[in-house]
């Protein structure tokens, strides 16, 4: 298993892959602090363990100063082959 840090802004996606969930979370938090300084507004936070799916759901959603919607989230990833 690995963790995907996915950043979506106005329909544009950028993914980063991490071996450790804690490193992905730290990277997301660093990016979020920088974005908040630039005027990005957080509207919702997600941080809980989804027992039904067996995964930790973590992320933030909001709006950029230009009015675009954004989402920063951590997603569990698995190799299929």
N, C-alpha and C. Protein backbone atom coordinates (compact mmCIF):
# COMPACT_ATOMS: atom_id res chain seq x y z
N UNK A 1 0.83 -1.17 0.00
CA UNK A 1 0.00 0.00 0.00
C UNK A 1 0.88 1.24 0.00
N UNK A 2 0.36 2.33 -0.60
CA UNK A 2 1.02 3.62 -0.58
C UNK A 2 -0.07 4.68 -0.46
N UNK A 3 0.33 5.92 -0.28
CA UNK A 3 -0.63 7.01 -0.13
C UNK A 3 -0.46 7.98 -1.29
N UNK A 4 -1.58 8.38 -1.86
CA UNK A 4 -1.59 9.36 -2.94
C UNK A 4 -2.09 10.68 -2.35
N UNK A 5 -1.28 11.73 -2.48
CA UNK A 5 -1.70 13.08 -2.11
C UNK A 5 -2.19 13.71 -3.40
N UNK A 6 -3.49 13.91 -3.51
CA UNK A 6 -4.06 14.46 -4.72
C UNK A 6 -4.54 15.88 -4.49
N UNK A 7 -4.14 16.76 -5.40
CA UNK A 7 -4.50 18.17 -5.32
C UNK A 7 -5.30 18.49 -6.58
N UNK A 8 -6.51 19.00 -6.40
CA UNK A 8 -7.39 19.34 -7.52
C UNK A 8 -7.80 20.79 -7.39
N UNK A 9 -7.59 21.55 -8.46
CA UNK A 9 -7.97 22.97 -8.48
C UNK A 9 -8.69 23.23 -9.80
N UNK A 10 -9.96 23.57 -9.71
CA UNK A 10 -10.73 23.89 -10.90
C UNK A 10 -10.72 22.81 -11.96
N UNK A 11 -10.69 21.54 -11.54
CA UNK A 11 -10.70 20.43 -12.49
C UNK A 11 -9.33 19.97 -12.96
N UNK A 12 -8.28 20.64 -12.50
CA UNK A 12 -6.91 20.24 -12.85
C UNK A 12 -6.34 19.43 -11.67
N UNK A 13 -5.76 18.27 -11.97
CA UNK A 13 -5.28 17.35 -10.94
C UNK A 13 -3.77 17.25 -10.94
N UNK A 14 -3.20 17.08 -9.74
CA UNK A 14 -1.78 16.84 -9.57
C UNK A 14 -1.65 15.83 -8.44
N UNK A 15 -1.01 14.71 -8.69
CA UNK A 15 -0.86 13.65 -7.69
C UNK A 15 0.60 13.46 -7.32
N UNK A 16 0.82 13.19 -6.02
CA UNK A 16 2.14 12.82 -5.51
C UNK A 16 1.97 11.53 -4.73
N UNK A 17 2.97 10.66 -4.81
CA UNK A 17 2.89 9.33 -4.22
C UNK A 17 3.90 9.20 -3.07
N UNK A 18 3.45 8.65 -1.95
CA UNK A 18 4.27 8.52 -0.76
C UNK A 18 4.22 7.09 -0.23
N UNK A 19 5.34 6.63 0.32
CA UNK A 19 5.36 5.33 0.99
C UNK A 19 4.67 5.41 2.34
N UNK A 20 4.81 6.55 3.03
CA UNK A 20 4.28 6.70 4.38
C UNK A 20 3.17 7.74 4.42
N UNK A 21 2.05 7.37 5.06
CA UNK A 21 0.90 8.25 5.19
C UNK A 21 1.27 9.53 5.92
N UNK A 22 2.09 9.43 6.97
CA UNK A 22 2.48 10.61 7.75
C UNK A 22 3.25 11.63 6.91
N UNK A 23 4.09 11.16 5.98
CA UNK A 23 4.83 12.08 5.11
C UNK A 23 3.89 12.78 4.14
N UNK A 24 2.90 12.06 3.64
CA UNK A 24 1.91 12.66 2.74
C UNK A 24 1.10 13.71 3.48
N UNK A 25 0.70 13.41 4.71
CA UNK A 25 -0.07 14.36 5.52
C UNK A 25 0.75 15.62 5.80
N UNK A 26 2.02 15.46 6.14
CA UNK A 26 2.88 16.61 6.41
C UNK A 26 3.01 17.49 5.16
N UNK A 27 3.15 16.87 4.00
CA UNK A 27 3.26 17.62 2.75
C UNK A 27 1.97 18.39 2.46
N UNK A 28 0.83 17.75 2.66
CA UNK A 28 -0.45 18.41 2.45
C UNK A 28 -0.58 19.61 3.40
N UNK A 29 -0.22 19.43 4.66
CA UNK A 29 -0.34 20.51 5.63
C UNK A 29 0.59 21.68 5.30
N UNK A 30 1.79 21.40 4.80
CA UNK A 30 2.71 22.46 4.39
C UNK A 30 2.13 23.24 3.22
N UNK A 31 1.61 22.52 2.23
CA UNK A 31 1.00 23.18 1.08
C UNK A 31 -0.19 24.03 1.51
N UNK A 32 -1.02 23.49 2.39
CA UNK A 32 -2.21 24.20 2.84
C UNK A 32 -1.83 25.49 3.57
N UNK A 33 -0.82 25.46 4.40
CA UNK A 33 -0.38 26.67 5.10
C UNK A 33 0.04 27.75 4.10
N UNK A 34 0.79 27.36 3.07
CA UNK A 34 1.20 28.31 2.03
C UNK A 34 -0.01 28.87 1.27
N UNK A 35 -0.96 28.00 0.95
CA UNK A 35 -2.14 28.44 0.19
C UNK A 35 -3.01 29.38 1.01
N UNK A 36 -3.14 29.12 2.31
CA UNK A 36 -3.92 30.00 3.18
C UNK A 36 -3.30 31.40 3.22
N UNK A 37 -1.97 31.46 3.23
CA UNK A 37 -1.28 32.75 3.22
C UNK A 37 -1.58 33.52 1.94
N UNK A 38 -1.88 32.80 0.86
CA UNK A 38 -2.19 33.42 -0.43
C UNK A 38 -3.68 33.73 -0.57
N UNK A 39 -4.45 33.49 0.49
CA UNK A 39 -5.85 33.85 0.47
C UNK A 39 -6.83 32.75 0.15
N UNK A 40 -6.36 31.50 0.03
CA UNK A 40 -7.28 30.39 -0.23
C UNK A 40 -8.11 30.14 1.04
N UNK A 41 -9.41 29.91 0.85
CA UNK A 41 -10.32 29.72 1.98
C UNK A 41 -10.76 28.27 2.10
N UNK A 42 -10.54 27.69 3.27
CA UNK A 42 -10.98 26.32 3.54
C UNK A 42 -12.42 26.35 4.02
N UNK A 43 -13.25 25.51 3.42
CA UNK A 43 -14.66 25.46 3.80
C UNK A 43 -15.03 24.20 4.56
N UNK A 44 -14.39 23.06 4.22
CA UNK A 44 -14.66 21.82 4.94
C UNK A 44 -13.36 21.04 5.15
N UNK A 45 -13.34 20.30 6.26
CA UNK A 45 -12.23 19.41 6.59
C UNK A 45 -12.78 18.00 6.76
N UNK A 46 -12.00 17.02 6.34
CA UNK A 46 -12.35 15.62 6.55
C UNK A 46 -11.17 14.95 7.23
N UNK A 47 -11.42 14.30 8.37
CA UNK A 47 -10.36 13.60 9.09
C UNK A 47 -10.99 12.55 9.99
N UNK A 48 -11.19 11.34 9.43
CA UNK A 48 -11.77 10.26 10.23
C UNK A 48 -11.44 8.91 9.60
N UNK A 49 -11.58 7.87 10.40
CA UNK A 49 -11.39 6.51 9.90
C UNK A 49 -12.74 5.97 9.47
N UNK A 50 -12.86 5.62 8.20
CA UNK A 50 -14.08 5.04 7.65
C UNK A 50 -14.01 3.52 7.86
N UNK A 51 -14.65 3.06 8.92
CA UNK A 51 -14.59 1.64 9.28
C UNK A 51 -15.21 0.75 8.22
N UNK A 52 -16.24 1.23 7.53
CA UNK A 52 -16.89 0.43 6.49
C UNK A 52 -15.93 0.11 5.34
N UNK A 53 -15.11 1.09 4.99
CA UNK A 53 -14.16 0.92 3.89
C UNK A 53 -12.77 0.50 4.37
N UNK A 54 -12.51 0.65 5.68
CA UNK A 54 -11.21 0.30 6.22
C UNK A 54 -10.11 1.28 5.85
N UNK A 55 -10.47 2.56 5.65
CA UNK A 55 -9.49 3.57 5.25
C UNK A 55 -9.65 4.84 6.09
N UNK A 56 -8.57 5.57 6.20
CA UNK A 56 -8.58 6.88 6.85
C UNK A 56 -8.86 7.92 5.77
N UNK A 57 -9.88 8.74 5.96
CA UNK A 57 -10.22 9.79 5.00
C UNK A 57 -9.73 11.12 5.55
N UNK A 58 -8.88 11.79 4.76
CA UNK A 58 -8.27 13.03 5.22
C UNK A 58 -8.20 14.01 4.06
N UNK A 59 -8.68 15.24 4.25
CA UNK A 59 -8.59 16.23 3.20
C UNK A 59 -9.27 17.53 3.56
N UNK A 60 -9.12 18.51 2.68
CA UNK A 60 -9.77 19.81 2.83
C UNK A 60 -10.33 20.23 1.48
N UNK A 61 -11.40 21.03 1.54
CA UNK A 61 -12.02 21.56 0.33
C UNK A 61 -12.29 23.03 0.56
N UNK A 62 -12.25 23.81 -0.52
CA UNK A 62 -12.52 25.24 -0.38
C UNK A 62 -12.50 25.97 -1.70
N UNK A 63 -12.16 27.27 -1.61
CA UNK A 63 -12.21 28.16 -2.76
C UNK A 63 -10.93 28.99 -2.83
N UNK A 64 -10.43 29.17 -4.06
CA UNK A 64 -9.25 30.02 -4.29
C UNK A 64 -9.70 31.48 -4.31
N UNK A 65 -8.75 32.43 -4.23
CA UNK A 65 -9.12 33.85 -4.34
C UNK A 65 -9.80 34.19 -5.67
N UNK A 66 -9.54 33.39 -6.71
CA UNK A 66 -10.15 33.61 -8.02
C UNK A 66 -11.53 32.97 -8.14
N UNK A 67 -11.97 32.27 -7.09
CA UNK A 67 -13.29 31.67 -7.08
C UNK A 67 -13.34 30.22 -7.56
N UNK A 68 -12.19 29.61 -7.84
CA UNK A 68 -12.18 28.20 -8.25
C UNK A 68 -12.29 27.30 -7.02
N UNK A 69 -12.94 26.17 -7.18
CA UNK A 69 -13.03 25.17 -6.12
C UNK A 69 -11.72 24.39 -6.07
N UNK A 70 -11.29 24.00 -4.86
CA UNK A 70 -10.10 23.17 -4.73
C UNK A 70 -10.32 22.08 -3.70
N UNK A 71 -9.49 21.04 -3.81
CA UNK A 71 -9.52 19.92 -2.88
C UNK A 71 -8.11 19.39 -2.72
N UNK A 72 -7.70 19.16 -1.49
CA UNK A 72 -6.45 18.49 -1.17
C UNK A 72 -6.84 17.25 -0.36
N UNK A 73 -6.39 16.07 -0.78
CA UNK A 73 -6.83 14.85 -0.09
C UNK A 73 -5.76 13.78 -0.13
N UNK A 74 -5.82 12.90 0.86
CA UNK A 74 -4.96 11.71 0.91
C UNK A 74 -5.82 10.50 0.59
N UNK A 75 -5.32 9.68 -0.34
CA UNK A 75 -6.07 8.52 -0.81
C UNK A 75 -5.15 7.30 -0.73
N UNK A 76 -5.67 6.18 -0.22
CA UNK A 76 -4.89 4.94 -0.21
C UNK A 76 -4.75 4.40 -1.62
N UNK A 77 -3.56 3.91 -1.94
CA UNK A 77 -3.34 3.32 -3.26
C UNK A 77 -2.77 1.93 -3.13
N UNK A 78 -3.08 1.09 -4.11
CA UNK A 78 -2.61 -0.30 -4.13
C UNK A 78 -2.19 -0.65 -5.55
N UNK A 79 -1.19 -1.49 -5.68
CA UNK A 79 -0.80 -1.97 -6.99
C UNK A 79 -1.74 -3.10 -7.41
N UNK A 80 -2.11 -3.11 -8.67
CA UNK A 80 -3.07 -4.10 -9.17
C UNK A 80 -2.39 -5.31 -9.81
N UNK A 81 -1.14 -5.20 -10.20
CA UNK A 81 -0.50 -6.33 -10.88
C UNK A 81 0.60 -6.96 -10.05
